[in-house]
């Protein structure tokens, strides 16, 4: 319980989580679009937009907190 209370949320932490989640989502959607390109030819723009939107949203929710509150070794 004390570990949850010890989390310090400031602007840099939130920004780090959003940037990491967005990067993960864009990389994932690029992979999905590449798979669709090799299997079916050129995917339609609606599929690309939906895949990117879902991947980025999932990345922010799933990867963002991991990156935001990651333990780093003391320098």
PDB file of N, CA and C in Angstrom:
ATOM      1  N   UNK A   1       0.820  -1.186   0.000  1.00  0.00           N
ATOM      2  CA  UNK A   1       0.000   0.000   0.000  1.00  0.00           C
ATOM      3  C   UNK A   1       0.866   1.252   0.000  1.00  0.00           C
ATOM      4  N   UNK A   2       1.978   1.207   0.706  1.00  0.00           N
ATOM      5  CA  UNK A   2       2.833   2.390   0.762  1.00  0.00           C
ATOM      6  C   UNK A   2       3.533   2.649  -0.568  1.00  0.00           C
ATOM      7  N   UNK A   3       3.730   1.593  -1.372  1.00  0.00           N
ATOM      8  CA  UNK A   3       4.355   1.794  -2.683  1.00  0.00           C
ATOM      9  C   UNK A   3       3.442   2.606  -3.598  1.00  0.00           C
ATOM     10  N   UNK A   4       2.150   2.392  -3.482  1.00  0.00           N
ATOM     11  CA  UNK A   4       1.206   3.154  -4.306  1.00  0.00           C
ATOM     12  C   UNK A   4       1.200   4.607  -3.876  1.00  0.00           C
ATOM     13  N   UNK A   5       1.281   4.853  -2.598  1.00  0.00           N
ATOM     14  CA  UNK A   5       1.274   6.220  -2.102  1.00  0.00           C
ATOM     15  C   UNK A   5       2.575   6.950  -2.393  1.00  0.00           C
ATOM     16  N   UNK A   6       3.650   6.199  -2.639  1.00  0.00           N
ATOM     17  CA  UNK A   6       4.951   6.807  -2.874  1.00  0.00           C
ATOM     18  C   UNK A   6       5.140   7.268  -4.320  1.00  0.00           C
ATOM     19  N   UNK A   7       4.193   6.996  -5.204  1.00  0.00           N
ATOM     20  CA  UNK A   7       4.322   7.415  -6.597  1.00  0.00           C
ATOM     21  C   UNK A   7       4.151   8.925  -6.690  1.00  0.00           C
ATOM     22  N   UNK A   8       5.079   9.537  -7.376  1.00  0.00           N
ATOM     23  CA  UNK A   8       5.027  10.980  -7.566  1.00  0.00           C
ATOM     24  C   UNK A   8       4.680  11.257  -9.027  1.00  0.00           C
ATOM     25  N   UNK A   9       3.523  11.821  -9.252  1.00  0.00           N
ATOM     26  CA  UNK A   9       3.063  12.092 -10.613  1.00  0.00           C
ATOM     27  C   UNK A   9       3.239  13.580 -10.890  1.00  0.00           C
ATOM     28  N   UNK A  10       4.096  13.877 -11.840  1.00  0.00           N
ATOM     29  CA  UNK A  10       4.244  15.257 -12.287  1.00  0.00           C
ATOM     30  C   UNK A  10       4.160  15.268 -13.812  1.00  0.00           C
ATOM     31  N   UNK A  11       4.348  16.420 -14.385  1.00  0.00           N
ATOM     32  CA  UNK A  11       4.192  16.581 -15.832  1.00  0.00           C
ATOM     33  C   UNK A  11       5.170  15.716 -16.621  1.00  0.00           C
ATOM     34  N   UNK A  12       6.390  15.594 -16.158  1.00  0.00           N
ATOM     35  CA  UNK A  12       7.396  14.807 -16.875  1.00  0.00           C
ATOM     36  C   UNK A  12       7.041  13.319 -16.878  1.00  0.00           C
ATOM     37  N   UNK A  13       6.498  12.837 -15.775  1.00  0.00           N
ATOM     38  CA  UNK A  13       6.118  11.425 -15.688  1.00  0.00           C
ATOM     39  C   UNK A  13       4.978  11.125 -16.652  1.00  0.00           C
ATOM     40  N   UNK A  14       3.980  11.978 -16.673  1.00  0.00           N
ATOM     41  CA  UNK A  14       2.843  11.784 -17.570  1.00  0.00           C
ATOM     42  C   UNK A  14       3.290  11.884 -19.030  1.00  0.00           C
ATOM     43  N   UNK A  15       4.126  12.855 -19.335  1.00  0.00           N
ATOM     44  CA  UNK A  15       4.622  13.025 -20.702  1.00  0.00           C
ATOM     45  C   UNK A  15       5.442  11.822 -21.144  1.00  0.00           C
ATOM     46  N   UNK A  16       6.285  11.290 -20.252  1.00  0.00           N
ATOM     47  CA  UNK A  16       7.092  10.115 -20.580  1.00  0.00           C
ATOM     48  C   UNK A  16       6.189   8.916 -20.892  1.00  0.00           C
ATOM     49  N   UNK A  17       5.131   8.745 -20.129  1.00  0.00           N
ATOM     50  CA  UNK A  17       4.201   7.650 -20.386  1.00  0.00           C
ATOM     51  C   UNK A  17       3.472   7.800 -21.704  1.00  0.00           C
ATOM     52  N   UNK A  18       3.041   9.007 -22.012  1.00  0.00           N
ATOM     53  CA  UNK A  18       2.326   9.240 -23.274  1.00  0.00           C
ATOM     54  C   UNK A  18       3.250   9.059 -24.468  1.00  0.00           C
ATOM     55  N   UNK A  19       4.459   9.560 -24.377  1.00  0.00           N
ATOM     56  CA  UNK A  19       5.407   9.423 -25.497  1.00  0.00           C
ATOM     57  C   UNK A  19       5.771   7.957 -25.717  1.00  0.00           C
ATOM     58  N   UNK A  20       6.033   7.228 -24.646  1.00  0.00           N
ATOM     59  CA  UNK A  20       6.389   5.812 -24.787  1.00  0.00           C
ATOM     60  C   UNK A  20       5.216   5.003 -25.335  1.00  0.00           C
ATOM     61  N   UNK A  21       4.013   5.264 -24.848  1.00  0.00           N
ATOM     62  CA  UNK A  21       2.845   4.553 -25.346  1.00  0.00           C
ATOM     63  C   UNK A  21       2.553   4.867 -26.797  1.00  0.00           C
ATOM     64  N   UNK A  22       2.721   6.118 -27.179  1.00  0.00           N
ATOM     65  CA  UNK A  22       2.502   6.510 -28.573  1.00  0.00           C
ATOM     66  C   UNK A  22       3.538   5.872 -29.488  1.00  0.00           C
ATOM     67  N   UNK A  23       4.777   5.872 -29.069  1.00  0.00           N
ATOM     68  CA  UNK A  23       5.830   5.247 -29.885  1.00  0.00           C
ATOM     69  C   UNK A  23       5.575   3.753 -30.057  1.00  0.00           C
ATOM     70  N   UNK A  24       5.177   3.100 -28.973  1.00  0.00           N
ATOM     71  CA  UNK A  24       4.880   1.676 -29.053  1.00  0.00           C
ATOM     72  C   UNK A  24       3.700   1.434 -29.986  1.00  0.00           C
ATOM     73  N   UNK A  25       2.661   2.238 -29.876  1.00  0.00           N
ATOM     74  CA  UNK A  25       1.487   2.081 -30.721  1.00  0.00           C
ATOM     75  C   UNK A  25       1.776   2.323 -32.188  1.00  0.00           C
ATOM     76  N   UNK A  26       2.593   3.335 -32.480  1.00  0.00           N
ATOM     77  CA  UNK A  26       2.947   3.604 -33.883  1.00  0.00           C
ATOM     78  C   UNK A  26       3.789   2.476 -34.471  1.00  0.00           C
ATOM     79  N   UNK A  27       4.705   1.940 -33.677  1.00  0.00           N
ATOM     80  CA  UNK A  27       5.518   0.816 -34.156  1.00  0.00           C
ATOM     81  C   UNK A  27       4.653  -0.417 -34.386  1.00  0.00           C
ATOM     82  N   UNK A  28       3.726  -0.673 -33.493  1.00  0.00           N
ATOM     83  CA  UNK A  28       2.837  -1.818 -33.637  1.00  0.00           C
ATOM     84  C   UNK A  28       1.930  -1.660 -34.857  1.00  0.00           C
ATOM     85  N   UNK A  29       1.377  -0.488 -35.039  1.00  0.00           N
ATOM     86  CA  UNK A  29       0.496  -0.284 -36.190  1.00  0.00           C
ATOM     87  C   UNK A  29       1.275  -0.359 -37.501  1.00  0.00           C
ATOM     88  N   UNK A  30       2.511   0.094 -37.507  1.00  0.00           N
ATOM     89  CA  UNK A  30       3.331  -0.041 -38.716  1.00  0.00           C
ATOM     90  C   UNK A  30       3.550  -1.517 -39.047  1.00  0.00           C
ATOM     91  N   UNK A  31       3.756  -2.320 -38.023  1.00  0.00           N
ATOM     92  CA  UNK A  31       3.892  -3.766 -38.249  1.00  0.00           C
ATOM     93  C   UNK A  31       2.615  -4.387 -38.779  1.00  0.00           C
ATOM     94  N   UNK A  32       1.472  -3.994 -38.204  1.00  0.00           N
ATOM     95  CA  UNK A  32       0.199  -4.521 -38.684  1.00  0.00           C
ATOM     96  C   UNK A  32      -0.084  -4.093 -40.118  1.00  0.00           C
ATOM     97  N   UNK A  33       0.210  -2.864 -40.450  1.00  0.00           N
ATOM     98  CA  UNK A  33       0.006  -2.388 -41.818  1.00  0.00           C
ATOM     99  C   UNK A  33       0.954  -3.121 -42.766  1.00  0.00           C
ATOM    100  N   UNK A  34       2.176  -3.375 -42.332  1.00  0.00           N
ATOM    101  CA  UNK A  34       3.112  -4.141 -43.152  1.00  0.00           C
ATOM    102  C   UNK A  34       2.637  -5.560 -43.403  1.00  0.00           C
ATOM    103  N   UNK A  35       2.064  -6.182 -42.379  1.00  0.00           N
ATOM    104  CA  UNK A  35       1.517  -7.530 -42.556  1.00  0.00           C
ATOM    105  C   UNK A  35       0.351  -7.507 -43.540  1.00  0.00           C
ATOM    106  N   UNK A  36      -0.542  -6.532 -43.379  1.00  0.00           N
ATOM    107  CA  UNK A  36      -1.677  -6.421 -44.301  1.00  0.00           C
ATOM    108  C   UNK A  36      -1.212  -6.139 -45.721  1.00  0.00           C
ATOM    109  N   UNK A  37      -0.153  -5.359 -45.848  1.00  0.00           N
ATOM    110  CA  UNK A  37       0.389  -5.041 -47.176  1.00  0.00           C
ATOM    111  C   UNK A  37       0.932  -6.287 -47.856  1.00  0.00           C
ATOM    112  N   UNK A  38       1.634  -7.132 -47.124  1.00  0.00           N
ATOM    113  CA  UNK A  38       2.199  -8.335 -47.737  1.00  0.00           C
ATOM    114  C   UNK A  38       1.141  -9.392 -48.011  1.00  0.00           C
ATOM    115  N   UNK A  39       0.087  -9.439 -47.208  1.00  0.00           N
ATOM    116  CA  UNK A  39      -0.929 -10.466 -47.401  1.00  0.00           C
ATOM    117  C   UNK A  39      -1.984 -10.080 -48.431  1.00  0.00           C
ATOM    118  N   UNK A  40      -2.412  -8.819 -48.422  1.00  0.00           N
ATOM    119  CA  UNK A  40      -3.582  -8.426 -49.217  1.00  0.00           C
ATOM    120  C   UNK A  40      -3.293  -7.359 -50.256  1.00  0.00           C
ATOM    121  N   UNK A  41      -2.114  -6.844 -50.308  1.00  0.00           N
ATOM    122  CA  UNK A  41      -1.883  -5.682 -51.156  1.00  0.00           C
ATOM    123  C   UNK A  41      -2.084  -4.426 -50.333  1.00  0.00           C
ATOM    124  N   UNK A  42      -2.399  -3.331 -50.979  1.00  0.00           N
ATOM    125  CA  UNK A  42      -2.530  -2.055 -50.291  1.00  0.00           C
ATOM    126  C   UNK A  42      -3.789  -2.026 -49.424  1.00  0.00           C
ATOM    127  N   UNK A  43      -3.640  -1.837 -48.085  1.00  0.00           N
ATOM    128  CA  UNK A  43      -4.823  -1.743 -47.223  1.00  0.00           C
ATOM    129  C   UNK A  43      -5.504  -0.387 -47.396  1.00  0.00           C
ATOM    130  N   UNK A  44      -6.788  -0.324 -47.108  1.00  0.00           N
ATOM    131  CA  UNK A  44      -7.515   0.938 -47.287  1.00  0.00           C
ATOM    132  C   UNK A  44      -7.168   1.907 -46.152  1.00  0.00           C
ATOM    133  N   UNK A  45      -7.272   3.194 -46.388  1.00  0.00           N
ATOM    134  CA  UNK A  45      -6.919   4.198 -45.377  1.00  0.00           C
ATOM    135  C   UNK A  45      -7.735   4.089 -44.087  1.00  0.00           C
ATOM    136  N   UNK A  46      -8.992   3.640 -44.188  1.00  0.00           N
ATOM    137  CA  UNK A  46      -9.799   3.470 -42.982  1.00  0.00           C
ATOM    138  C   UNK A  46      -9.208   2.401 -42.062  1.00  0.00           C
ATOM    139  N   UNK A  47      -8.732   1.308 -42.645  1.00  0.00           N
ATOM    140  CA  UNK A  47      -8.110   0.255 -41.842  1.00  0.00           C
ATOM    141  C   UNK A  47      -6.828   0.751 -41.194  1.00  0.00           C
ATOM    142  N   UNK A  48      -6.047   1.523 -41.923  1.00  0.00           N
ATOM    143  CA  UNK A  48      -4.806   2.063 -41.378  1.00  0.00           C
ATOM    144  C   UNK A  48      -5.099   3.013 -40.223  1.00  0.00           C
ATOM    145  N   UNK A  49      -6.082   3.887 -40.404  1.00  0.00           N
ATOM    146  CA  UNK A  49      -6.433   4.848 -39.353  1.00  0.00           C
ATOM    147  C   UNK A  49      -6.959   4.145 -38.109  1.00  0.00           C
ATOM    148  N   UNK A  50      -7.835   3.160 -38.290  1.00  0.00           N
ATOM    149  CA  UNK A  50      -8.400   2.447 -37.141  1.00  0.00           C
ATOM    150  C   UNK A  50      -7.321   1.662 -36.407  1.00  0.00           C
ATOM    151  N   UNK A  51      -6.459   0.975 -37.154  1.00  0.00           N
ATOM    152  CA  UNK A  51      -5.379   0.204 -36.535  1.00  0.00           C
ATOM    153  C   UNK A  51      -4.444   1.119 -35.756  1.00  0.00           C
ATOM    154  N   UNK A  52      -4.107   2.262 -36.325  1.00  0.00           N
ATOM    155  CA  UNK A  52      -3.223   3.205 -35.647  1.00  0.00           C
ATOM    156  C   UNK A  52      -3.876   3.770 -34.395  1.00  0.00           C
ATOM    157  N   UNK A  53      -5.129   4.139 -34.481  1.00  0.00           N
ATOM    158  CA  UNK A  53      -5.844   4.691 -33.327  1.00  0.00           C
ATOM    159  C   UNK A  53      -5.912   3.684 -32.184  1.00  0.00           C
ATOM    160  N   UNK A  54      -6.283   2.462 -32.493  1.00  0.00           N
ATOM    161  CA  UNK A  54      -6.394   1.438 -31.455  1.00  0.00           C
ATOM    162  C   UNK A  54      -5.020   1.093 -30.874  1.00  0.00           C
ATOM    163  N   UNK A  55      -4.011   0.999 -31.711  1.00  0.00           N
ATOM    164  CA  UNK A  55      -2.666   0.659 -31.225  1.00  0.00           C
ATOM    165  C   UNK A  55      -2.091   1.749 -30.335  1.00  0.00           C
ATOM    166  N   UNK A  56      -2.261   3.001 -30.711  1.00  0.00           N
ATOM    167  CA  UNK A  56      -1.742   4.099 -29.897  1.00  0.00           C
ATOM    168  C   UNK A  56      -2.498   4.188 -28.571  1.00  0.00           C
ATOM    169  N   UNK A  57      -3.822   4.044 -28.617  1.00  0.00           N
ATOM    170  CA  UNK A  57      -4.604   4.082 -27.375  1.00  0.00           C
ATOM    171  C   UNK A  57      -4.213   2.940 -26.449  1.00  0.00           C
ATOM    172  N   UNK A  58      -4.027   1.758 -26.991  1.00  0.00           N
ATOM    173  CA  UNK A  58      -3.605   0.615 -26.194  1.00  0.00           C
ATOM    174  C   UNK A  58      -2.202   0.828 -25.644  1.00  0.00           C
ATOM    175  N   UNK A  59      -1.331   1.391 -26.446  1.00  0.00           N
ATOM    176  CA  UNK A  59       0.026   1.663 -25.990  1.00  0.00           C
ATOM    177  C   UNK A  59       0.061   2.649 -24.836  1.00  0.00           C
ATOM    178  N   UNK A  60      -0.746   3.690 -24.908  1.00  0.00           N
ATOM    179  CA  UNK A  60      -0.777   4.683 -23.835  1.00  0.00           C
ATOM    180  C   UNK A  60      -1.314   4.062 -22.555  1.00  0.00           C
ATOM    181  N   UNK A  61      -2.334   3.221 -22.665  1.00  0.00           N
ATOM    182  CA  UNK A  61      -2.929   2.611 -21.479  1.00  0.00           C
ATOM    183  C   UNK A  61      -2.045   1.505 -20.911  1.00  0.00           C
ATOM    184  N   UNK A  62      -1.443   0.686 -21.776  1.00  0.00           N
ATOM    185  CA  UNK A  62      -0.696  -0.477 -21.300  1.00  0.00           C
ATOM    186  C   UNK A  62       0.791  -0.195 -21.086  1.00  0.00           C
ATOM    187  N   UNK A  63       1.438   0.443 -22.022  1.00  0.00           N
ATOM    188  CA  UNK A  63       2.879   0.663 -21.949  1.00  0.00           C
ATOM    189  C   UNK A  63       3.207   1.962 -21.225  1.00  0.00           C
ATOM    190  N   UNK A  64       2.333   2.948 -21.339  1.00  0.00           N
ATOM    191  CA  UNK A  64       2.580   4.242 -20.717  1.00  0.00           C
ATOM    192  C   UNK A  64       2.905   4.183 -19.234  1.00  0.00           C
ATOM    193  N   UNK A  65       2.080   3.523 -18.411  1.00  0.00           N
ATOM    194  CA  UNK A  65       2.416   3.448 -16.986  1.00  0.00           C
ATOM    195  C   UNK A  65       3.713   2.687 -16.707  1.00  0.00           C
ATOM    196  N   UNK A  66       4.003   1.703 -17.510  1.00  0.00           N
ATOM    197  CA  UNK A  66       5.263   0.961 -17.325  1.00  0.00           C
ATOM    198  C   UNK A  66       6.463   1.875 -17.554  1.00  0.00           C
ATOM    199  N   UNK A  67       6.385   2.693 -18.580  1.00  0.00           N
ATOM    200  CA  UNK A  67       7.486   3.616 -18.871  1.00  0.00           C
ATOM    201  C   UNK A  67       7.510   4.773 -17.897  1.00  0.00           C
ATOM    202  N   UNK A  68       6.342   5.229 -17.478  1.00  0.00           N
ATOM    203  CA  UNK A  68       6.279   6.388 -16.605  1.00  0.00           C
ATOM    204  C   UNK A  68       6.857   6.097 -15.228  1.00  0.00           C
ATOM    205  N   UNK A  69       6.566   4.925 -14.692  1.00  0.00           N
ATOM    206  CA  UNK A  69       6.974   4.609 -13.330  1.00  0.00           C
ATOM    207  C   UNK A  69       8.071   3.550 -13.274  1.00  0.00           C
ATOM    208  N   UNK A  70       8.831   3.429 -14.347  1.00  0.00           N
ATOM    209  CA  UNK A  70       9.917   2.454 -14.377  1.00  0.00           C
ATOM    210  C   UNK A  70      10.999   2.839 -13.357  1.00  0.00           C
ATOM    211  N   UNK A  71      11.533   1.836 -12.719  1.00  0.00           N
ATOM    212  CA  UNK A  71      12.635   2.073 -11.777  1.00  0.00           C
ATOM    213  C   UNK A  71      13.920   2.219 -12.580  1.00  0.00           C
ATOM    214  N   UNK A  72      14.663   3.267 -12.299  1.00  0.00           N
ATOM    215  CA  UNK A  72      15.928   3.487 -12.966  1.00  0.00           C
ATOM    216  C   UNK A  72      17.050   3.390 -11.951  1.00  0.00           C
ATOM    217  N   UNK A  73      18.176   2.867 -12.377  1.00  0.00           N
ATOM    218  CA  UNK A  73      19.299   2.820 -11.440  1.00  0.00           C
ATOM    219  C   UNK A  73      19.770   4.234 -11.095  1.00  0.00           C
ATOM    220  N   UNK A  74      20.182   4.411  -9.885  1.00  0.00           N
ATOM    221  CA  UNK A  74      20.679   5.727  -9.466  1.00  0.00           C
ATOM    222  C   UNK A  74      21.989   6.032 -10.171  1.00  0.00           C
ATOM    223  N   UNK A  75      22.096   7.234 -10.677  1.00  0.00           N
ATOM    224  CA  UNK A  75      23.317   7.627 -11.394  1.00  0.00           C
ATOM    225  C   UNK A  75      24.342   8.184 -10.446  1.00  0.00           C
TER     226      UNK A  75
END
